Structures are given as structure tokens and as C-alpha cells.
PDB file of N, CA and C in Angstrom:
ATOM      1  N   MET A   1      25.311  23.460 -18.458  1.00  0.00           N
ATOM      2  CA  MET A   1      24.240  22.725 -19.109  1.00  0.00           C
ATOM      3  C   MET A   1      24.280  21.237 -18.737  1.00  0.00           C
ATOM      4  N   ILE A   2      25.467  20.646 -18.819  1.00  0.00           N
ATOM      5  CA  ILE A   2      25.565  19.222 -18.506  1.00  0.00           C
ATOM      6  C   ILE A   2      25.365  18.979 -17.008  1.00  0.00           C
ATOM      7  N   LEU A   3      25.753  19.950 -16.181  1.00  0.00           N
ATOM      8  CA  LEU A   3      25.527  19.812 -14.743  1.00  0.00           C
ATOM      9  C   LEU A   3      24.045  19.874 -14.391  1.00  0.00           C
ATOM     10  N   GLU A   4      23.275  20.617 -15.166  1.00  0.00           N
ATOM     11  CA  GLU A   4      21.833  20.659 -14.938  1.00  0.00           C
ATOM     12  C   GLU A   4      21.187  19.317 -15.242  1.00  0.00           C
ATOM     13  N   TYR A   5      21.649  18.657 -16.305  1.00  0.00           N
ATOM     14  CA  TYR A   5      21.140  17.321 -16.616  1.00  0.00           C
ATOM     15  C   TYR A   5      21.549  16.322 -15.539  1.00  0.00           C
ATOM     16  N   PHE A   6      22.759  16.489 -15.017  1.00  0.00           N
ATOM     17  CA  PHE A   6      23.219  15.626 -13.926  1.00  0.00           C
ATOM     18  C   PHE A   6      22.355  15.814 -12.685  1.00  0.00           C
ATOM     19  N   MET A   7      21.987  17.060 -12.396  1.00  0.00           N
ATOM     20  CA  MET A   7      21.121  17.349 -11.243  1.00  0.00           C
ATOM     21  C   MET A   7      19.738  16.734 -11.437  1.00  0.00           C
ATOM     22  N   ILE A   8      19.184  16.843 -12.632  1.00  0.00           N
ATOM     23  CA  ILE A   8      17.883  16.238 -12.919  1.00  0.00           C
ATOM     24  C   ILE A   8      17.961  14.723 -12.773  1.00  0.00           C
ATOM     25  N   LEU A   9      19.059  14.131 -13.249  1.00  0.00           N
ATOM     26  CA  LEU A   9      19.251  12.688 -13.114  1.00  0.00           C
ATOM     27  C   LEU A   9      19.322  12.282 -11.636  1.00  0.00           C
ATOM     28  N   LEU A  10      20.037  13.065 -10.833  1.00  0.00           N
ATOM     29  CA  LEU A  10      20.122  12.764  -9.397  1.00  0.00           C
ATOM     30  C   LEU A  10      18.760  12.872  -8.722  1.00  0.00           C
ATOM     31  N   LEU A  11      18.005  13.893  -9.067  1.00  0.00           N
ATOM     32  CA  LEU A  11      16.691  14.057  -8.457  1.00  0.00           C
ATOM     33  C   LEU A  11      15.730  12.942  -8.859  1.00  0.00           C
ATOM     34  N   LEU A  12      15.790  12.518 -10.118  1.00  0.00           N
ATOM     35  CA  LEU A  12      14.961  11.394 -10.558  1.00  0.00           C
ATOM     36  C   LEU A  12      15.385  10.104  -9.858  1.00  0.00           C
ATOM     37  N   LEU A  13      16.688   9.932  -9.666  1.00  0.00           N
ATOM     38  CA  LEU A  13      17.188   8.769  -8.947  1.00  0.00           C
ATOM     39  C   LEU A  13      16.691   8.777  -7.508  1.00  0.00           C
ATOM     40  N   MET A  14      16.695   9.959  -6.890  1.00  0.00           N
ATOM     41  CA  MET A  14      16.206  10.077  -5.522  1.00  0.00           C
ATOM     42  C   MET A  14      14.728   9.707  -5.427  1.00  0.00           C
ATOM     43  N   VAL A  15      13.930  10.198  -6.351  1.00  0.00           N
ATOM     44  CA  VAL A  15      12.497   9.890  -6.342  1.00  0.00           C
ATOM     45  C   VAL A  15      12.274   8.395  -6.574  1.00  0.00           C
ATOM     46  N   GLY A  16      13.003   7.813  -7.516  1.00  0.00           N
ATOM     47  CA  GLY A  16      12.865   6.382  -7.773  1.00  0.00           C
ATOM     48  C   GLY A  16      13.247   5.531  -6.578  1.00  0.00           C
ATOM     49  N   LEU A  17      14.344   5.886  -5.918  1.00  0.00           N
ATOM     50  CA  LEU A  17      14.758   5.143  -4.728  1.00  0.00           C
ATOM     51  C   LEU A  17      13.762   5.305  -3.583  1.00  0.00           C
ATOM     52  N   ALA A  18      13.194   6.493  -3.449  1.00  0.00           N
ATOM     53  CA  ALA A  18      12.203   6.717  -2.389  1.00  0.00           C
ATOM     54  C   ALA A  18      10.945   5.901  -2.639  1.00  0.00           C
ATOM     55  N   ILE A  19      10.499   5.850  -3.875  1.00  0.00           N
ATOM     56  CA  ILE A  19       9.325   5.037  -4.198  1.00  0.00           C
ATOM     57  C   ILE A  19       9.610   3.560  -3.945  1.00  0.00           C
ATOM     58  N   TYR A  20      10.811   3.113  -4.325  1.00  0.00           N
ATOM     59  CA  TYR A  20      11.190   1.721  -4.073  1.00  0.00           C
ATOM     60  C   TYR A  20      11.224   1.429  -2.570  1.00  0.00           C
ATOM     61  N   ALA A  21      11.753   2.366  -1.785  1.00  0.00           N
ATOM     62  CA  ALA A  21      11.843   2.168  -0.341  1.00  0.00           C
ATOM     63  C   ALA A  21      10.464   2.046   0.292  1.00  0.00           C
ATOM     64  N   VAL A  22       9.501   2.765  -0.237  1.00  0.00           N
ATOM     65  CA  VAL A  22       8.142   2.716   0.324  1.00  0.00           C
ATOM     66  C   VAL A  22       7.401   1.468  -0.139  1.00  0.00           C
ATOM     67  N   GLU A  23       7.584   1.059  -1.373  1.00  0.00           N
ATOM     68  CA  GLU A  23       6.783  -0.014  -1.958  1.00  0.00           C
ATOM     69  C   GLU A  23       7.299  -1.424  -1.695  1.00  0.00           C
ATOM     70  N   THR A  24       8.580  -1.596  -1.396  1.00  0.00           N
ATOM     71  CA  THR A  24       9.109  -2.941  -1.231  1.00  0.00           C
ATOM     72  C   THR A  24       8.659  -3.553   0.094  1.00  0.00           C
ATOM     73  N   LYS A  25       8.540  -4.863   0.119  1.00  0.00           N
ATOM     74  CA  LYS A  25       8.119  -5.577   1.318  1.00  0.00           C
ATOM     75  C   LYS A  25       9.312  -5.982   2.183  1.00  0.00           C
ATOM     76  N   ASP A  26      10.496  -6.024   1.604  1.00  0.00           N
ATOM     77  CA  ASP A  26      11.701  -6.400   2.335  1.00  0.00           C
ATOM     78  C   ASP A  26      12.218  -5.180   3.099  1.00  0.00           C
ATOM     79  N   LEU A  27      12.229  -5.273   4.413  1.00  0.00           N
ATOM     80  CA  LEU A  27      12.596  -4.120   5.231  1.00  0.00           C
ATOM     81  C   LEU A  27      14.059  -3.729   5.070  1.00  0.00           C
ATOM     82  N   LEU A  28      14.944  -4.703   4.930  1.00  0.00           N
ATOM     83  CA  LEU A  28      16.359  -4.390   4.767  1.00  0.00           C
ATOM     84  C   LEU A  28      16.603  -3.658   3.453  1.00  0.00           C
ATOM     85  N   ALA A  29      15.977  -4.105   2.380  1.00  0.00           N
ATOM     86  CA  ALA A  29      16.108  -3.415   1.092  1.00  0.00           C
ATOM     87  C   ALA A  29      15.529  -2.012   1.164  1.00  0.00           C
ATOM     88  N   SER A  30      14.466  -1.863   1.922  1.00  0.00           N
ATOM     89  CA  SER A  30      13.854  -0.552   2.090  1.00  0.00           C
ATOM     90  C   SER A  30      14.782   0.404   2.835  1.00  0.00           C
ATOM     91  N   VAL A  31      15.422  -0.073   3.876  1.00  0.00           N
ATOM     92  CA  VAL A  31      16.349   0.763   4.642  1.00  0.00           C
ATOM     93  C   VAL A  31      17.570   1.133   3.805  1.00  0.00           C
ATOM     94  N   ILE A  32      18.078   0.187   3.031  1.00  0.00           N
ATOM     95  CA  ILE A  32      19.226   0.476   2.179  1.00  0.00           C
ATOM     96  C   ILE A  32      18.854   1.496   1.113  1.00  0.00           C
ATOM     97  N   ALA A  33      17.675   1.375   0.532  1.00  0.00           N
ATOM     98  CA  ALA A  33      17.223   2.358  -0.456  1.00  0.00           C
ATOM     99  C   ALA A  33      17.068   3.734   0.175  1.00  0.00           C
ATOM    100  N   ALA A  34      16.550   3.795   1.389  1.00  0.00           N
ATOM    101  CA  ALA A  34      16.423   5.080   2.079  1.00  0.00           C
ATOM    102  C   ALA A  34      17.794   5.670   2.385  1.00  0.00           C
ATOM    103  N   GLY A  35      18.752   4.822   2.698  1.00  0.00           N
ATOM    104  CA  GLY A  35      20.124   5.294   2.896  1.00  0.00           C
ATOM    105  C   GLY A  35      20.712   5.874   1.627  1.00  0.00           C
ATOM    106  N   PHE A  36      20.417   5.251   0.493  1.00  0.00           N
ATOM    107  CA  PHE A  36      20.889   5.786  -0.783  1.00  0.00           C
ATOM    108  C   PHE A  36      20.197   7.105  -1.130  1.00  0.00           C
ATOM    109  N   VAL A  37      18.946   7.252  -0.714  1.00  0.00           N
ATOM    110  CA  VAL A  37      18.266   8.542  -0.908  1.00  0.00           C
ATOM    111  C   VAL A  37      19.015   9.629  -0.163  1.00  0.00           C
ATOM    112  N   SER A  38      19.414   9.349   1.068  1.00  0.00           N
ATOM    113  CA  SER A  38      20.180  10.326   1.849  1.00  0.00           C
ATOM    114  C   SER A  38      21.542  10.592   1.224  1.00  0.00           C
ATOM    115  N   LEU A  39      22.160   9.552   0.691  1.00  0.00           N
ATOM    116  CA  LEU A  39      23.462   9.729   0.044  1.00  0.00           C
ATOM    117  C   LEU A  39      23.351  10.596  -1.204  1.00  0.00           C
ATOM    118  N   VAL A  40      22.327  10.373  -2.007  1.00  0.00           N
ATOM    119  CA  VAL A  40      22.111  11.201  -3.194  1.00  0.00           C
ATOM    120  C   VAL A  40      21.761  12.627  -2.791  1.00  0.00           C
ATOM    121  N   ALA A  41      21.006  12.774  -1.701  1.00  0.00           N
ATOM    122  CA  ALA A  41      20.684  14.117  -1.212  1.00  0.00           C
ATOM    123  C   ALA A  41      21.951  14.850  -0.792  1.00  0.00           C
ATOM    124  N   SER A  42      22.895  14.146  -0.209  1.00  0.00           N
ATOM    125  CA  SER A  42      24.148  14.803   0.167  1.00  0.00           C
ATOM    126  C   SER A  42      24.939  15.232  -1.066  1.00  0.00           C
ATOM    127  N   ILE A  43      24.856  14.476  -2.143  1.00  0.00           N
ATOM    128  CA  ILE A  43      25.509  14.889  -3.394  1.00  0.00           C
ATOM    129  C   ILE A  43      24.825  16.127  -3.959  1.00  0.00           C
ATOM    130  N   VAL A  44      23.507  16.179  -3.861  1.00  0.00           N
ATOM    131  CA  VAL A  44      22.769  17.359  -4.323  1.00  0.00           C
ATOM    132  C   VAL A  44      23.149  18.582  -3.497  1.00  0.00           C
ATOM    133  N   TYR A  45      23.269  18.412  -2.175  1.00  0.00           N
ATOM    134  CA  TYR A  45      23.681  19.535  -1.328  1.00  0.00           C
ATOM    135  C   TYR A  45      25.084  20.007  -1.695  1.00  0.00           C
ATOM    136  N   LEU A  46      25.951  19.078  -2.028  1.00  0.00           N
ATOM    137  CA  LEU A  46      27.303  19.454  -2.438  1.00  0.00           C
ATOM    138  C   LEU A  46      27.272  20.239  -3.743  1.00  0.00           C
ATOM    139  N   TYR A  47      26.418  19.828  -4.664  1.00  0.00           N
ATOM    140  CA  TYR A  47      26.254  20.559  -5.916  1.00  0.00           C
ATOM    141  C   TYR A  47      25.711  21.965  -5.669  1.00  0.00           C
ATOM    142  N   LEU A  48      24.867  22.116  -4.671  1.00  0.00           N
ATOM    143  CA  LEU A  48      24.294  23.420  -4.337  1.00  0.00           C
ATOM    144  C   LEU A  48      25.222  24.261  -3.463  1.00  0.00           C
ATOM    145  N   GLN A  49      26.462  23.821  -3.324  1.00  0.00           N
ATOM    146  CA  GLN A  49      27.516  24.531  -2.604  1.00  0.00           C
ATOM    147  C   GLN A  49      27.210  24.683  -1.123  1.00  0.00           C
ATOM    148  N   ALA A  50      26.734  23.608  -0.530  1.00  0.00           N
ATOM    149  CA  ALA A  50      26.508  23.559   0.910  1.00  0.00           C
ATOM    150  C   ALA A  50      27.250  22.343   1.476  1.00  0.00           C
ATOM    151  N   PRO A  51      28.585  22.421   1.538  1.00  0.00           N
ATOM    152  CA  PRO A  51      29.345  21.232   1.953  1.00  0.00           C
ATOM    153  C   PRO A  51      29.101  20.823   3.401  1.00  0.00           C
ATOM    154  N   ASP A  52      28.801  21.782   4.280  1.00  0.00           N
ATOM    155  CA  ASP A  52      28.534  21.421   5.665  1.00  0.00           C
ATOM    156  C   ASP A  52      27.243  20.615   5.795  1.00  0.00           C
ATOM    157  N   VAL A  53      26.232  21.004   5.058  1.00  0.00           N
ATOM    158  CA  VAL A  53      24.968  20.265   5.061  1.00  0.00           C
ATOM    159  C   VAL A  53      25.159  18.897   4.400  1.00  0.00           C
ATOM    160  N   ALA A  54      25.977  18.851   3.348  1.00  0.00           N
ATOM    161  CA  ALA A  54      26.231  17.588   2.650  1.00  0.00           C
ATOM    162  C   ALA A  54      26.948  16.597   3.568  1.00  0.00           C
ATOM    163  N   MET A  55      27.936  17.075   4.314  1.00  0.00           N
ATOM    164  CA  MET A  55      28.650  16.177   5.226  1.00  0.00           C
ATOM    165  C   MET A  55      27.742  15.693   6.355  1.00  0.00           C
ATOM    166  N   THR A  56      26.901  16.572   6.864  1.00  0.00           N
ATOM    167  CA  THR A  56      25.983  16.179   7.919  1.00  0.00           C
ATOM    168  C   THR A  56      24.964  15.166   7.417  1.00  0.00           C
ATOM    169  N   GLU A  57      24.430  15.393   6.224  1.00  0.00           N
ATOM    170  CA  GLU A  57      23.466  14.454   5.645  1.00  0.00           C
ATOM    171  C   GLU A  57      24.103  13.100   5.391  1.00  0.00           C
ATOM    172  N   ALA A  58      25.336  13.100   4.906  1.00  0.00           N
ATOM    173  CA  ALA A  58      26.015  11.834   4.645  1.00  0.00           C
ATOM    174  C   ALA A  58      26.298  11.084   5.943  1.00  0.00           C
ATOM    175  N   ALA A  59      26.732  11.808   6.965  1.00  0.00           N
ATOM    176  CA  ALA A  59      27.092  11.147   8.219  1.00  0.00           C
ATOM    177  C   ALA A  59      25.868  10.695   9.001  1.00  0.00           C
ATOM    178  N   ILE A  60      24.897  11.578   9.146  1.00  0.00           N
ATOM    179  CA  ILE A  60      23.726  11.267   9.965  1.00  0.00           C
ATOM    180  C   ILE A  60      22.675  10.524   9.148  1.00  0.00           C
ATOM    181  N   GLY A  61      22.280  11.094   8.009  1.00  0.00           N
ATOM    182  CA  GLY A  61      21.201  10.519   7.213  1.00  0.00           C
ATOM    183  C   GLY A  61      21.549   9.192   6.581  1.00  0.00           C
ATOM    184  N   ALA A  62      22.688   9.161   5.887  1.00  0.00           N
ATOM    185  CA  ALA A  62      23.053   7.932   5.180  1.00  0.00           C
ATOM    186  C   ALA A  62      23.777   6.944   6.086  1.00  0.00           C
ATOM    187  N   GLY A  63      24.558   7.436   7.020  1.00  0.00           N
ATOM    188  CA  GLY A  63      25.360   6.536   7.834  1.00  0.00           C
ATOM    189  C   GLY A  63      24.692   6.064   9.104  1.00  0.00           C
ATOM    190  N   LEU A  64      24.510   6.964  10.033  1.00  0.00           N
ATOM    191  CA  LEU A  64      24.045   6.592  11.361  1.00  0.00           C
ATOM    192  C   LEU A  64      22.608   6.079  11.366  1.00  0.00           C
ATOM    193  N   THR A  65      21.722   6.771  10.675  1.00  0.00           N
ATOM    194  CA  THR A  65      20.320   6.349  10.656  1.00  0.00           C
ATOM    195  C   THR A  65      20.162   4.971  10.008  1.00  0.00           C
ATOM    196  N   THR A  66      20.869   4.748   8.909  1.00  0.00           N
ATOM    197  CA  THR A  66      20.810   3.448   8.241  1.00  0.00           C
ATOM    198  C   THR A  66      21.335   2.350   9.159  1.00  0.00           C
ATOM    199  N   LEU A  67      22.422   2.628   9.860  1.00  0.00           N
ATOM    200  CA  LEU A  67      22.984   1.650  10.776  1.00  0.00           C
ATOM    201  C   LEU A  67      22.015   1.314  11.917  1.00  0.00           C
ATOM    202  N   ILE A  68      21.378   2.320  12.472  1.00  0.00           N
ATOM    203  CA  ILE A  68      20.420   2.082  13.560  1.00  0.00           C
ATOM    204  C   ILE A  68      19.241   1.237  13.065  1.00  0.00           C
ATOM    205  N   PHE A  69      18.731   1.543  11.861  1.00  0.00           N
ATOM    206  CA  PHE A  69      17.618   0.753  11.318  1.00  0.00           C
ATOM    207  C   PHE A  69      18.040  -0.684  11.029  1.00  0.00           C
ATOM    208  N   ILE A  70      19.249  -0.888  10.536  1.00  0.00           N
ATOM    209  CA  ILE A  70      19.716  -2.246  10.254  1.00  0.00           C
ATOM    210  C   ILE A  70      19.848  -3.037  11.552  1.00  0.00           C
ATOM    211  N   ILE A  71      20.344  -2.405  12.609  1.00  0.00           N
ATOM    212  CA  ILE A  71      20.428  -3.090  13.907  1.00  0.00           C
ATOM    213  C   ILE A  71      19.035  -3.444  14.416  1.00  0.00           C
ATOM    214  N   ALA A  72      18.072  -2.543  14.246  1.00  0.00           N
ATOM    215  CA  ALA A  72      16.704  -2.828  14.681  1.00  0.00           C
ATOM    216  C   ALA A  72      16.093  -3.964  13.871  1.00  0.00           C
ATOM    217  N   ILE A  73      16.371  -4.020  12.575  1.00  0.00           N
ATOM    218  CA  ILE A  73      15.839  -5.096  11.737  1.00  0.00           C
ATOM    219  C   ILE A  73      16.454  -6.437  12.128  1.00  0.00           C
ATOM    220  N   ARG A  74      17.723  -6.442  12.486  1.00  0.00           N
ATOM    221  CA  ARG A  74      18.372  -7.695  12.888  1.00  0.00           C
ATOM    222  C   ARG A  74      17.734  -8.255  14.157  1.00  0.00           C
ATOM    223  N   LYS A  75      17.181  -7.406  14.988  1.00  0.00           N
ATOM    224  CA  LYS A  75      16.563  -7.866  16.239  1.00  0.00           C
ATOM    225  C   LYS A  75      15.082  -8.204  16.067  1.00  0.00           C
ATOM    226  N   THR A  76      14.532  -7.945  14.882  1.00  0.00           N
ATOM    227  CA  THR A  76      13.121  -8.267  14.601  1.00  0.00           C
ATOM    228  C   THR A  76      13.069  -9.113  13.331  1.00  0.00           C
ATOM    229  N   GLU A  77      11.852  -9.304  12.805  1.00  0.00           N
ATOM    230  CA  GLU A  77      11.701 -10.053  11.566  1.00  0.00           C
ATOM    231  C   GLU A  77      12.012  -9.168  10.375  1.00  0.00           C
ATOM    232  N   ARG A  78      12.612  -9.765   9.345  1.00  0.00           N
ATOM    233  CA  ARG A  78      13.064  -8.999   8.197  1.00  0.00           C
ATOM    234  C   ARG A  78      11.940  -8.703   7.213  1.00  0.00           C
ATOM    235  N   ARG A  79      11.031  -9.605   7.042  1.00  0.00           N
ATOM    236  CA  ARG A  79       9.985  -9.431   6.042  1.00  0.00           C
ATOM    237  C   ARG A  79       8.646  -9.132   6.703  1.00  0.00           C
ATOM    238  N   GLU A  80       7.857  -8.361   5.987  1.00  0.00           N
ATOM    239  CA  GLU A  80       6.505  -8.060   6.448  1.00  0.00           C
ATOM    240  C   GLU A  80       5.611  -9.229   6.135  1.00  0.00           C
ATOM    241  N   ARG A  81       4.637  -9.500   7.000  1.00  0.00           N
ATOM    242  CA  ARG A  81       3.736 -10.641   6.761  1.00  0.00           C
ATOM    243  C   ARG A  81       2.581 -10.273   5.896  1.00  0.00           C
TER     244      ARG A  81
END
């Protein structure tokens, strides 16, 4: 029962972070929020007993993709005009 509430909380957190990532004007904050969405998704996959998918999501989705976007932002302008 308590794990179901935890899952609902994680899913609501994911939706909130995704909305923040889309709506914010600061590109770095948007990329970090999207990285946290991937990190929360990996926790959800772990809860659903898919540790291989969770590790892949954490490594690729939260780690590598976020790093590539941050490097791209450093080479361009950070804020939208």
C-alpha cells in the first residue's frame, strides 16, 4: 500500500519536472530537469523489477544525454531570447 503511494508520488514528480523542463526559458535548468525525469524513470523501472532497463536509463538517459546537452549549451547561448 505504501509503495503504491510512493509510485504515485514518483509519477507526479516526473510529470511536474517534465512540465518545468518544457516551460522554463533557461536551457540549462531545462536540461537538468529532463535529466531528473530520466533519473526518476529509472527508479520507477527499478520498482517495476526491471533493473537492466533502470541501469540503462540512468546511464544513458540521465547521465550521457544530460552531459551532451550541457556541453552543447556551453558552446551556445544559455537563455532563449
